[in-house]
Amino acid sequence: MVRDMNSHQFQTRRFFFEECGVGVGKIALASLLGTEFGRRLRASDGVSRTGRAGPLAPKPSHFAAKAKQVIFLFMAGGPSHLDLFDNKPGLKKYDGQPVPPEVIEGQDLPFIERDAALWPSPMKFARHGQCGAELSELLPHLAEIVDDIAIVKSMRTDAFNHAPAQIFMNTGYLQLGKPSMGAWVTYGLGSESSDLPAFVVMDSGGGISGGAACFGCGFLPSTYQGVQFRSQGDPILYTASPSGYDRRLERSSLDLVNRLNRRRLGVVGDPEIATRINAYEMAFRLQTSAPELIDLRSESQATLDMYGAEPGKRSFANNCLLARRLVERGVRFVTLFQNGWDHHSDVISGLHGICPTTDRPAAALVKDLKQRGLLDETLVVWGGEFGRTPMIEKNPALGRTQGRDHHPNAFTMWLAGGGIAPGQTIGATDEMGYHVVEDPIHVHDLQATILQLLGIEHTKLTFKHQGRDFRLTDVGGNVVERLLA
């Protein structure tokens, strides 16, 4: 409490701040405007070249960008690099033998015994394209575009369980509450689209262990949160107008709400109010733009056949085609989650089931972007949270046989477009596919490289939270120069 010296009555602090014309909101706003977000908030007061105002207006990059947008094809569960990308013929001489103790010394093996037997892949591998990239027979469509992609066989991560590993790949941290890559990118660059969200997320297969933390905004203002789209039915729930509520009345009501919100924003300076204004406006525009977006009937039959897409169906193929349509319309970051890669049992049968679902659409996306002149400005990233072990997993108690365990020490990802030097394979693992022995690339290195391609210096894209400057790559990460064209 503070005391009013004229009336000799005690007044609340709220009365003091309001009557003195100081206002907690004005103090907070003054402080806020001195931060990086405040500068972005001030810069977004006007209308952008896309007609968009607010925190998602396009913002300049640190330097000339090679990519304008990102499509992340996230294969949740951990694809087996040994059965898809990383051929190890030398592993055959160890078939059925326990892994040498020195190889697994100090390693965490969460689900299988330390005396588990080594198991070479039964899949056939062949070289493809002018670059001679070696791929499993399970990836016939990817084999057609190997000269357009860069394969990284030396990825490493810090987590061996799904949820933390998925969160780490998408946010750069093992803990909950940190902004996802899409949130960081849209915070740094805004969006080129005025009628669609800057960061769109779609899921075609049963959800992911990391949940919404993989596309959340963390401590960034919530306007940078990934927006979930559905590939059938209403694209976004609760955006349809109630019966009898026409568009003119809706616009009038929204204008009134926005005037009240802007007045409140001027008083308290809370960036979440700017987020609310932007969200209301976006929801209004989405009522028209989203249904048009997901109507794949406007695509040619040849395009639908190339992806294996079927209008109105929930599928990875449909989502890949929708991803192309999203970046065509200026959406900055698109993440497609596809579950079904966690093969603790019968890995070969599992891969025979999941690969036809993903191989054709992923390759079609690269082909489609290229033929439309969009690949040069669109970065496509394919991969999961970790790889699989070269040891066979047999656990009768859990009903498991002929499977592979989680493996954070080595796994494979591929990238295309957006400034990537194509037609190359980077990195190598040992003869068992267990440890990286050449060009190790940590998750933070990959994240730093993605930002670099977007024109962002990863050490300078920061946000002050809880007394320190946070960034996507935490305190590590180096740009992988070999990946850059």
Protein backbone atom coordinates (compact mmCIF):
# COMPACT_ATOMS: atom_id res chain seq x y z
CA MET A 1 0.00 0.00 0.00
CA VAL A 2 1.03 3.64 -0.50
CA ARG A 3 -0.42 6.62 1.30
CA ASP A 4 -2.32 9.58 -0.29
CA MET A 5 -0.85 12.63 1.53
CA ASN A 6 -3.88 14.85 0.74
CA SER A 7 -6.68 12.67 2.06
CA HIS A 8 -4.54 10.86 4.63
CA GLN A 9 -6.17 7.69 3.31
CA PHE A 10 -4.32 4.64 2.17
CA GLN A 11 -4.60 3.97 -1.56
CA THR A 12 -3.66 0.93 -3.56
CA ARG A 13 -0.57 0.82 -5.73
CA ARG A 14 -2.90 0.44 -8.70
CA PHE A 15 -4.49 3.83 -7.83
CA PHE A 16 -1.04 5.44 -7.57
CA PHE A 17 0.14 4.20 -10.96
CA GLU A 18 -3.12 5.02 -12.73
CA GLU A 19 -3.68 8.47 -11.22
CA CYS A 20 -0.07 9.53 -11.62
CA GLY A 21 -0.27 8.74 -15.30
CA VAL A 22 2.69 6.42 -15.04
CA GLY A 23 0.95 3.08 -15.41
CA VAL A 24 2.52 -0.31 -14.94
CA GLY A 25 1.64 -0.97 -18.57
CA LYS A 26 3.62 2.07 -19.73
CA ILE A 27 6.59 1.01 -17.62
CA ALA A 28 6.37 -2.51 -19.01
CA LEU A 29 5.98 -1.24 -22.56
CA ALA A 30 8.98 1.07 -22.21
CA SER A 31 11.04 -1.86 -21.00
CA LEU A 32 9.67 -4.13 -23.69
CA LEU A 33 10.46 -1.68 -26.49
CA GLY A 34 14.11 -1.81 -25.53
CA THR A 35 14.29 -5.53 -26.27
CA GLU A 36 14.69 -7.35 -29.59
CA PHE A 37 11.00 -8.27 -29.52
CA GLY A 38 10.14 -4.65 -28.82
CA ARG A 39 12.05 -3.54 -31.89
CA ARG A 40 10.17 -6.11 -33.91
CA LEU A 41 6.88 -4.96 -32.38
CA ARG A 42 7.61 -1.34 -33.31
CA ALA A 43 8.74 -2.34 -36.80
CA SER A 44 5.47 -4.17 -37.35
CA ASP A 45 3.23 -1.21 -36.57
CA GLY A 46 2.83 -0.46 -40.28
CA VAL A 47 1.48 -2.61 -43.07
CA SER A 48 4.00 -4.90 -44.75
CA ARG A 49 4.50 -5.40 -48.48
CA THR A 50 2.23 -8.42 -48.20
CA GLY A 51 -0.51 -6.34 -46.62
CA ARG A 52 0.14 -7.91 -43.23
CA ALA A 53 0.65 -5.85 -40.11
CA GLY A 54 1.69 -7.11 -36.71
CA PRO A 55 4.41 -9.37 -35.33
CA LEU A 56 4.35 -11.71 -38.33
CA ALA A 57 5.10 -9.06 -40.93
CA PRO A 58 8.18 -10.01 -43.01
CA LYS A 59 11.44 -8.97 -41.35
CA PRO A 60 14.93 -8.62 -42.83
CA SER A 61 17.42 -11.45 -42.38
CA HIS A 62 20.93 -10.96 -41.02
CA PHE A 63 22.40 -11.54 -44.51
CA ALA A 64 21.27 -12.70 -47.94
CA ALA A 65 19.27 -15.89 -47.60
CA LYS A 66 19.42 -18.90 -49.90
CA ALA A 67 16.11 -20.33 -48.63
CA LYS A 68 12.85 -18.53 -47.97
CA GLN A 69 10.93 -21.37 -46.35
CA VAL A 70 11.37 -24.81 -44.80
CA ILE A 71 9.48 -28.09 -45.07
CA PHE A 72 10.54 -30.53 -42.33
CA LEU A 73 9.45 -34.12 -42.99
CA PHE A 74 9.78 -35.53 -39.49
CA MET A 75 9.82 -39.33 -39.30
CA ALA A 76 8.86 -39.92 -35.67
CA GLY A 77 10.14 -43.10 -34.05
CA GLY A 78 13.66 -43.32 -35.43
CA PRO A 79 14.15 -44.77 -38.95
CA SER A 80 16.74 -47.53 -39.18
CA HIS A 81 19.71 -46.02 -41.01
CA LEU A 82 21.23 -49.51 -41.30
CA ASP A 83 18.33 -50.83 -43.36
CA LEU A 84 17.72 -47.68 -45.43
CA PHE A 85 20.87 -45.63 -46.02
CA ASP A 86 23.99 -46.94 -44.31
CA ASN A 87 25.00 -50.20 -45.96
CA LYS A 88 27.36 -52.26 -43.80
CA PRO A 89 28.42 -55.40 -45.70
CA GLY A 90 31.28 -55.84 -43.21
CA LEU A 91 28.70 -56.46 -40.49
CA LYS A 92 27.99 -59.88 -42.02
CA LYS A 93 31.16 -61.34 -40.53
CA TYR A 94 29.81 -60.48 -37.06
CA ASP A 95 26.34 -61.91 -37.69
CA GLY A 96 25.05 -63.55 -34.51
CA GLN A 97 28.06 -62.50 -32.43
CA PRO A 98 27.77 -60.24 -29.37
CA VAL A 99 28.89 -56.69 -29.90
CA PRO A 100 32.50 -56.18 -28.71
CA PRO A 101 32.54 -54.74 -25.15
CA GLU A 102 34.77 -51.82 -26.17
CA VAL A 103 32.15 -50.66 -28.70
CA ILE A 104 29.36 -50.26 -26.15
CA GLU A 105 31.44 -49.26 -23.13
CA GLY A 106 29.62 -46.49 -21.28
CA GLN A 107 26.62 -46.62 -23.63
CA ASP A 108 22.97 -46.45 -22.55
CA LEU A 109 21.01 -49.38 -23.99
CA PRO A 110 17.52 -48.82 -22.63
CA PHE A 111 15.65 -51.81 -24.00
CA ILE A 112 18.05 -54.62 -24.97
CA GLU A 113 20.69 -56.74 -23.31
CA ARG A 114 24.38 -55.92 -23.58
CA ASP A 115 25.12 -59.34 -25.00
CA ALA A 116 22.62 -58.85 -27.83
CA ALA A 117 23.83 -60.26 -31.14
CA LEU A 118 24.89 -58.15 -34.09
CA TRP A 119 22.61 -58.42 -37.11
CA PRO A 120 23.45 -57.26 -40.67
CA SER A 121 20.63 -55.83 -42.72
CA PRO A 122 18.95 -58.32 -45.03
CA MET A 123 18.03 -55.48 -47.42
CA LYS A 124 19.69 -55.14 -50.82
CA PHE A 125 21.55 -51.89 -51.52
CA ALA A 126 22.48 -50.30 -54.85
CA ARG A 127 24.09 -47.10 -56.08
CA HIS A 128 22.02 -44.52 -57.95
CA GLY A 129 22.35 -41.34 -59.96
CA GLN A 130 25.48 -39.59 -61.15
CA CYS A 131 26.53 -39.11 -57.52
CA GLY A 132 26.44 -42.85 -56.86
CA ALA A 133 24.53 -42.56 -53.59
CA GLU A 134 23.85 -45.95 -52.01
CA LEU A 135 20.27 -46.66 -50.95
CA SER A 136 18.21 -49.62 -49.79
CA GLU A 137 15.73 -51.30 -52.13
CA LEU A 138 13.03 -49.92 -49.81
CA LEU A 139 13.57 -46.40 -51.24
CA PRO A 140 13.02 -46.73 -55.03
CA HIS A 141 11.50 -43.25 -55.41
CA LEU A 142 14.22 -41.50 -53.42
CA ALA A 143 16.69 -43.28 -55.71
CA GLU A 144 15.26 -41.25 -58.60
CA ILE A 145 16.23 -37.91 -57.01
CA VAL A 146 19.56 -38.70 -55.32
CA ASP A 147 21.30 -36.10 -57.46
CA ASP A 148 18.99 -33.45 -55.98
CA ILE A 149 19.60 -34.28 -52.31
CA ALA A 150 22.43 -34.34 -49.80
CA ILE A 151 22.59 -37.38 -47.52
CA VAL A 152 24.11 -37.01 -44.05
CA LYS A 153 25.18 -40.33 -42.51
CA SER A 154 26.86 -38.88 -39.42
CA MET A 155 24.07 -37.33 -37.38
CA ARG A 156 24.30 -37.48 -33.57
CA THR A 157 21.90 -36.52 -30.80
CA ASP A 158 21.89 -36.27 -27.00
CA ALA A 159 18.81 -38.37 -26.18
CA PHE A 160 17.89 -42.05 -26.55
CA ASN A 161 14.17 -41.92 -25.69
CA HIS A 162 11.49 -40.67 -28.07
CA ALA A 163 9.92 -37.68 -26.32
CA PRO A 164 13.15 -35.92 -25.27
CA ALA A 165 14.85 -36.79 -28.57
CA GLN A 166 11.95 -35.44 -30.62
CA ILE A 167 11.81 -32.30 -28.51
CA PHE A 168 15.59 -31.91 -28.84
CA MET A 169 15.50 -32.20 -32.63
CA ASN A 170 12.70 -29.64 -32.88
CA THR A 171 13.72 -27.18 -30.15
CA GLY A 172 17.42 -27.72 -29.43
CA TYR A 173 16.70 -28.60 -25.78
CA LEU A 174 15.84 -31.77 -23.89
CA GLN A 175 13.46 -29.94 -21.56
CA LEU A 176 9.93 -28.78 -22.17
CA GLY A 177 9.11 -25.12 -22.52
CA LYS A 178 11.55 -24.05 -25.24
CA PRO A 179 10.55 -22.59 -28.63
CA SER A 180 10.49 -24.93 -31.60
CA MET A 181 12.50 -24.35 -34.76
CA GLY A 182 9.46 -23.10 -36.65
CA ALA A 183 8.74 -20.62 -33.87
CA TRP A 184 12.34 -19.35 -33.90
CA VAL A 185 12.27 -18.94 -37.69
CA THR A 186 8.97 -17.06 -37.76
CA TYR A 187 10.11 -14.90 -34.84
CA GLY A 188 13.22 -14.03 -36.83
CA LEU A 189 11.72 -13.62 -40.29
CA GLY A 190 7.95 -13.27 -40.02
CA SER A 191 5.85 -14.58 -42.89
CA GLU A 192 5.29 -13.85 -46.56
CA SER A 193 1.65 -14.95 -46.33
CA SER A 194 -1.12 -12.65 -45.19
CA ASP A 195 -3.90 -15.27 -45.33
CA LEU A 196 -2.27 -18.31 -43.73
CA PRO A 197 -0.30 -18.93 -40.52
CA ALA A 198 3.47 -18.49 -40.68
CA PHE A 199 4.13 -21.92 -39.12
CA VAL A 200 1.88 -24.86 -40.05
CA VAL A 201 1.95 -28.39 -38.61
CA MET A 202 0.27 -31.52 -39.96
CA ASP A 203 0.24 -35.06 -38.58
CA SER A 204 -0.58 -38.07 -40.72
CA GLY A 205 0.04 -40.93 -38.34
CA GLY A 206 -1.05 -41.31 -34.76
CA GLY A 207 0.65 -38.41 -32.99
CA ILE A 208 4.18 -38.12 -31.63
CA SER A 209 5.76 -38.80 -28.25
CA GLY A 210 7.08 -35.25 -27.91
CA GLY A 211 3.59 -33.84 -28.40
CA ALA A 212 2.85 -30.14 -28.89
CA ALA A 213 6.24 -29.22 -27.39
CA CYS A 214 7.72 -30.09 -30.80
CA PHE A 215 5.92 -27.19 -32.44
CA GLY A 216 5.31 -24.85 -29.51
CA CYS A 217 6.43 -21.28 -28.99
CA GLY A 218 7.93 -21.85 -25.53
CA PHE A 219 8.80 -18.51 -23.96
CA LEU A 220 8.40 -16.62 -27.25
CA PRO A 221 5.12 -14.72 -27.70
CA SER A 222 2.42 -17.20 -28.62
CA THR A 223 1.90 -15.71 -32.08
CA TYR A 224 4.85 -17.89 -33.14
CA GLN A 225 3.17 -21.15 -32.09
CA GLY A 226 2.75 -23.76 -34.83
CA VAL A 227 -0.83 -23.98 -36.09
CA GLN A 228 -2.17 -27.49 -36.62
CA PHE A 229 -3.94 -28.16 -39.90
CA ARG A 230 -6.08 -31.16 -40.71
CA SER A 231 -5.98 -32.64 -44.20
CA GLN A 232 -9.66 -33.58 -44.13
CA GLY A 233 -12.76 -31.88 -42.78
CA ASP A 234 -12.33 -28.36 -41.42
CA PRO A 235 -8.62 -27.50 -41.85
CA ILE A 236 -8.64 -25.79 -38.46
CA LEU A 237 -11.25 -26.50 -35.83
CA TYR A 238 -13.64 -23.74 -34.74
CA THR A 239 -12.94 -21.30 -37.58
CA ALA A 240 -16.29 -21.85 -39.31
CA SER A 241 -18.94 -19.18 -38.66
CA PRO A 242 -22.11 -20.15 -36.79
CA SER A 243 -25.25 -20.57 -38.83
CA GLY A 244 -26.90 -17.25 -39.64
CA TYR A 245 -23.80 -15.22 -38.82
CA ASP A 246 -22.84 -13.56 -42.12
CA ARG A 247 -19.39 -12.27 -43.01
CA ARG A 248 -20.31 -8.58 -42.73
CA LEU A 249 -21.60 -8.99 -39.19
CA GLU A 250 -18.55 -11.05 -38.30
CA ARG A 251 -16.24 -8.34 -39.68
CA SER A 252 -18.08 -5.66 -37.71
CA SER A 253 -17.85 -7.66 -34.48
CA LEU A 254 -14.17 -8.37 -35.05
CA ASP A 255 -13.42 -4.68 -35.66
CA LEU A 256 -15.00 -3.80 -32.32
CA VAL A 257 -13.03 -6.50 -30.48
CA ASN A 258 -9.81 -5.37 -32.15
CA ARG A 259 -10.37 -1.74 -31.18
CA LEU A 260 -10.77 -2.79 -27.57
CA ASN A 261 -7.69 -5.00 -27.75
CA ARG A 262 -5.57 -2.24 -29.32
CA ARG A 263 -6.67 0.18 -26.63
CA ARG A 264 -5.64 -2.33 -23.98
CA LEU A 265 -2.34 -2.98 -25.77
CA GLY A 266 -1.57 0.73 -25.54
CA VAL A 267 -2.21 0.66 -21.79
CA VAL A 268 -0.33 -2.47 -20.71
CA GLY A 269 2.01 -3.21 -23.63
CA ASP A 270 1.51 -6.97 -23.34
CA PRO A 271 2.75 -8.70 -26.55
CA GLU A 272 0.16 -11.42 -25.99
CA ILE A 273 -2.52 -8.84 -26.84
CA ALA A 274 -0.80 -8.27 -30.19
CA THR A 275 -0.89 -12.05 -30.60
CA ARG A 276 -4.62 -12.08 -29.85
CA ILE A 277 -5.31 -9.35 -32.42
CA ASN A 278 -3.30 -11.22 -35.02
CA ALA A 279 -5.03 -14.52 -34.18
CA TYR A 280 -8.52 -13.04 -34.57
CA GLU A 281 -7.62 -11.52 -37.93
CA MET A 282 -5.97 -14.70 -39.13
CA ALA A 283 -8.97 -16.81 -38.11
CA PHE A 284 -11.20 -14.50 -40.13
CA ARG A 285 -9.04 -14.83 -43.23
CA LEU A 286 -8.64 -18.58 -42.76
CA GLN A 287 -12.36 -19.08 -43.19
CA THR A 288 -11.75 -18.38 -46.87
CA SER A 289 -8.10 -19.35 -47.45
CA ALA A 290 -7.95 -22.68 -45.57
CA PRO A 291 -10.79 -24.53 -47.36
CA GLU A 292 -9.35 -23.44 -50.72
CA LEU A 293 -5.90 -24.61 -49.62
CA ILE A 294 -6.88 -28.18 -48.72
CA ASP A 295 -9.11 -28.71 -51.77
CA LEU A 296 -6.75 -30.91 -53.75
CA ARG A 297 -9.28 -31.37 -56.53
CA SER A 298 -7.77 -28.33 -58.24
CA GLU A 299 -4.54 -30.31 -58.77
CA SER A 300 -4.01 -32.22 -62.00
CA GLN A 301 -4.44 -35.97 -61.98
CA ALA A 302 -0.77 -36.30 -62.95
CA THR A 303 0.24 -34.39 -59.81
CA LEU A 304 -2.05 -36.43 -57.58
CA ASP A 305 -0.65 -39.64 -59.07
CA MET A 306 2.94 -38.49 -58.59
CA TYR A 307 2.35 -38.01 -54.85
CA GLY A 308 -0.09 -40.89 -54.48
CA ALA A 309 -2.51 -38.34 -53.04
CA GLU A 310 -6.26 -38.84 -52.70
CA PRO A 311 -8.38 -35.73 -52.06
CA GLY A 312 -10.24 -35.87 -48.75
CA LYS A 313 -8.02 -38.57 -47.26
CA ARG A 314 -5.72 -38.20 -44.26
CA SER A 315 -2.31 -39.31 -45.48
CA PHE A 316 1.35 -38.38 -45.66
CA ALA A 317 0.96 -38.09 -49.44
CA ASN A 318 -1.81 -35.51 -49.09
CA ASN A 319 0.21 -33.62 -46.49
CA CYS A 320 3.28 -33.47 -48.75
CA LEU A 321 1.16 -32.00 -51.52
CA LEU A 322 -0.40 -29.57 -49.04
CA ALA A 323 3.09 -28.57 -47.92
CA ARG A 324 3.91 -27.55 -51.48
CA ARG A 325 0.69 -25.55 -51.66
CA LEU A 326 1.52 -23.86 -48.35
CA VAL A 327 4.99 -22.69 -49.35
CA GLU A 328 3.57 -21.57 -52.70
CA ARG A 329 1.36 -19.23 -50.68
CA GLY A 330 4.20 -17.83 -48.58
CA VAL A 331 4.04 -19.95 -45.41
CA ARG A 332 7.46 -19.81 -43.77
CA PHE A 333 7.78 -23.16 -41.96
CA VAL A 334 5.87 -26.42 -42.45
CA THR A 335 6.40 -29.54 -40.33
CA LEU A 336 4.87 -32.87 -41.35
CA PHE A 337 4.91 -35.52 -38.63
CA GLN A 338 4.74 -39.16 -39.70
CA ASN A 339 4.81 -41.75 -36.93
CA GLY A 340 5.44 -45.48 -37.34
CA TRP A 341 9.26 -45.83 -37.37
CA ASP A 342 9.79 -47.33 -33.89
CA HIS A 343 10.61 -50.90 -34.87
CA HIS A 344 11.62 -52.75 -31.70
CA SER A 345 10.24 -55.90 -33.25
CA ASP A 346 10.22 -57.19 -36.85
CA VAL A 347 12.00 -54.14 -38.24
CA ILE A 348 12.07 -55.41 -41.81
CA SER A 349 8.32 -56.03 -41.93
CA GLY A 350 7.77 -52.63 -40.32
CA LEU A 351 9.91 -50.88 -42.91
CA HIS A 352 8.13 -52.69 -45.71
CA GLY A 353 4.94 -51.21 -44.31
CA ILE A 354 6.02 -47.61 -43.68
CA CYS A 355 8.42 -46.93 -46.57
CA PRO A 356 5.81 -47.12 -49.38
CA THR A 357 3.75 -44.62 -47.37
CA THR A 358 6.56 -42.06 -47.21
CA ASP A 359 9.11 -42.71 -49.98
CA ARG A 360 6.94 -41.81 -52.95
CA PRO A 361 5.41 -38.59 -51.52
CA ALA A 362 8.73 -37.28 -50.17
CA ALA A 363 10.44 -37.78 -53.53
CA ALA A 364 7.42 -36.32 -55.32
CA LEU A 365 7.62 -33.20 -53.15
CA VAL A 366 11.21 -32.57 -54.24
CA LYS A 367 10.34 -33.23 -57.90
CA ASP A 368 7.27 -31.00 -57.75
CA LEU A 369 9.10 -28.11 -56.08
CA LYS A 370 11.87 -28.39 -58.67
CA GLN A 371 9.60 -28.38 -61.70
CA ARG A 372 7.72 -25.36 -60.34
CA GLY A 373 10.90 -23.39 -59.69
CA LEU A 374 10.38 -23.50 -55.92
CA LEU A 375 13.13 -25.89 -54.85
CA ASP A 376 15.90 -23.27 -54.92
CA GLU A 377 14.06 -21.24 -52.28
CA THR A 378 12.55 -24.10 -50.28
CA LEU A 379 14.65 -26.20 -47.90
CA VAL A 380 13.36 -29.76 -47.47
CA VAL A 381 14.63 -31.76 -44.48
CA TRP A 382 13.88 -35.49 -43.92
CA GLY A 383 14.70 -37.46 -40.78
CA GLY A 384 13.73 -38.67 -37.33
CA GLU A 385 14.96 -38.21 -33.78
CA PHE A 386 17.66 -40.94 -33.85
CA GLY A 387 18.66 -44.17 -35.60
CA ARG A 388 18.63 -47.86 -34.64
CA THR A 389 21.25 -50.23 -33.25
CA PRO A 390 23.14 -52.83 -35.29
CA MET A 391 22.26 -55.37 -32.58
CA ILE A 392 19.11 -57.41 -32.87
CA GLU A 393 16.47 -56.89 -30.22
CA LYS A 394 14.92 -60.06 -28.76
CA ASN A 395 12.84 -59.70 -25.64
CA PRO A 396 10.33 -62.54 -25.13
CA ALA A 397 8.87 -60.82 -22.09
CA LEU A 398 7.82 -57.89 -24.31
CA GLY A 399 7.01 -60.08 -27.31
CA ARG A 400 9.87 -58.61 -29.32
CA THR A 401 11.97 -60.32 -31.95
CA GLN A 402 14.02 -59.26 -34.99
CA GLY A 403 13.91 -55.59 -33.98
CA ARG A 404 16.40 -52.77 -33.45
CA ASP A 405 16.76 -50.50 -30.43
CA HIS A 406 17.03 -46.69 -30.22
CA HIS A 407 20.43 -45.37 -31.26
CA PRO A 408 21.49 -41.73 -30.67
CA ASN A 409 25.16 -42.18 -31.64
CA ALA A 410 24.66 -42.37 -35.39
CA PHE A 411 21.79 -41.89 -37.82
CA THR A 412 20.99 -40.55 -41.28
CA MET A 413 19.04 -37.57 -42.58
CA TRP A 414 18.75 -35.99 -46.02
CA LEU A 415 18.21 -32.43 -47.23
CA ALA A 416 17.30 -30.84 -50.56
CA GLY A 417 16.88 -27.39 -52.08
CA GLY A 418 17.20 -24.04 -50.37
CA GLY A 419 20.96 -23.62 -50.86
CA ILE A 420 21.96 -27.23 -50.16
CA ALA A 421 24.80 -28.61 -52.29
CA PRO A 422 23.08 -31.65 -53.86
CA GLY A 423 24.40 -34.99 -55.04
CA GLN A 424 26.68 -35.69 -52.10
CA THR A 425 26.91 -37.99 -49.12
CA ILE A 426 28.45 -36.52 -45.98
CA GLY A 427 29.91 -38.44 -43.04
CA ALA A 428 30.46 -42.10 -42.28
CA THR A 429 30.04 -44.60 -39.47
CA ASP A 430 32.24 -47.52 -38.40
CA GLU A 431 31.90 -50.97 -39.97
CA MET A 432 29.04 -51.80 -37.59
CA GLY A 433 27.14 -48.54 -38.12
CA TYR A 434 27.45 -47.86 -34.40
CA HIS A 435 29.75 -44.84 -34.07
CA VAL A 436 30.36 -41.85 -36.34
CA VAL A 437 33.95 -41.89 -37.64
CA GLU A 438 33.86 -39.09 -40.22
CA ASP A 439 32.32 -35.57 -40.21
CA PRO A 440 30.17 -35.86 -37.06
CA ILE A 441 27.14 -33.56 -37.24
CA HIS A 442 25.28 -32.80 -34.03
CA VAL A 443 21.62 -31.78 -33.95
CA HIS A 444 22.71 -28.24 -33.06
CA ASP A 445 24.94 -28.18 -36.14
CA LEU A 446 21.96 -29.09 -38.31
CA GLN A 447 19.86 -26.36 -36.69
CA ALA A 448 22.62 -23.78 -37.15
CA THR A 449 22.87 -24.75 -40.83
CA ILE A 450 19.11 -24.46 -41.39
CA LEU A 451 19.16 -20.94 -39.92
CA GLN A 452 22.23 -20.05 -42.01
CA LEU A 453 20.39 -21.02 -45.20
CA LEU A 454 17.53 -18.74 -44.14
CA GLY A 455 19.92 -15.82 -43.74
CA ILE A 456 20.06 -15.99 -39.94
CA GLU A 457 23.22 -16.04 -37.84
CA HIS A 458 22.26 -18.63 -35.23
CA THR A 459 24.27 -17.00 -32.43
CA LYS A 460 22.45 -13.69 -32.97
CA LEU A 461 18.86 -14.95 -33.08
CA THR A 462 18.25 -14.69 -29.34
CA PHE A 463 15.49 -13.98 -26.85
CA LYS A 464 16.10 -12.94 -23.28
CA HIS A 465 14.27 -15.20 -20.82
CA GLN A 466 14.82 -15.77 -17.11
CA GLY A 467 17.87 -13.54 -17.13
CA ARG A 468 19.78 -15.06 -20.05
CA ASP A 469 19.81 -14.93 -23.82
CA PHE A 470 18.43 -18.16 -25.26
CA ARG A 471 18.84 -19.36 -28.83
CA LEU A 472 17.77 -22.40 -30.87
CA THR A 473 21.26 -23.91 -30.78
CA ASP A 474 21.70 -23.28 -27.04
CA VAL A 475 25.43 -22.66 -26.48
CA GLY A 476 26.69 -24.92 -29.28
CA GLY A 477 26.26 -25.57 -32.95
CA ASN A 478 28.40 -24.94 -36.01
CA VAL A 479 27.28 -24.38 -39.58
CA VAL A 480 28.03 -27.43 -41.74
CA GLU A 481 29.84 -25.69 -44.59
CA ARG A 482 29.97 -28.86 -46.71
CA LEU A 483 26.18 -28.81 -46.96
CA LEU A 484 26.09 -25.32 -48.46
CA ALA A 485 26.01 -24.79 -52.21
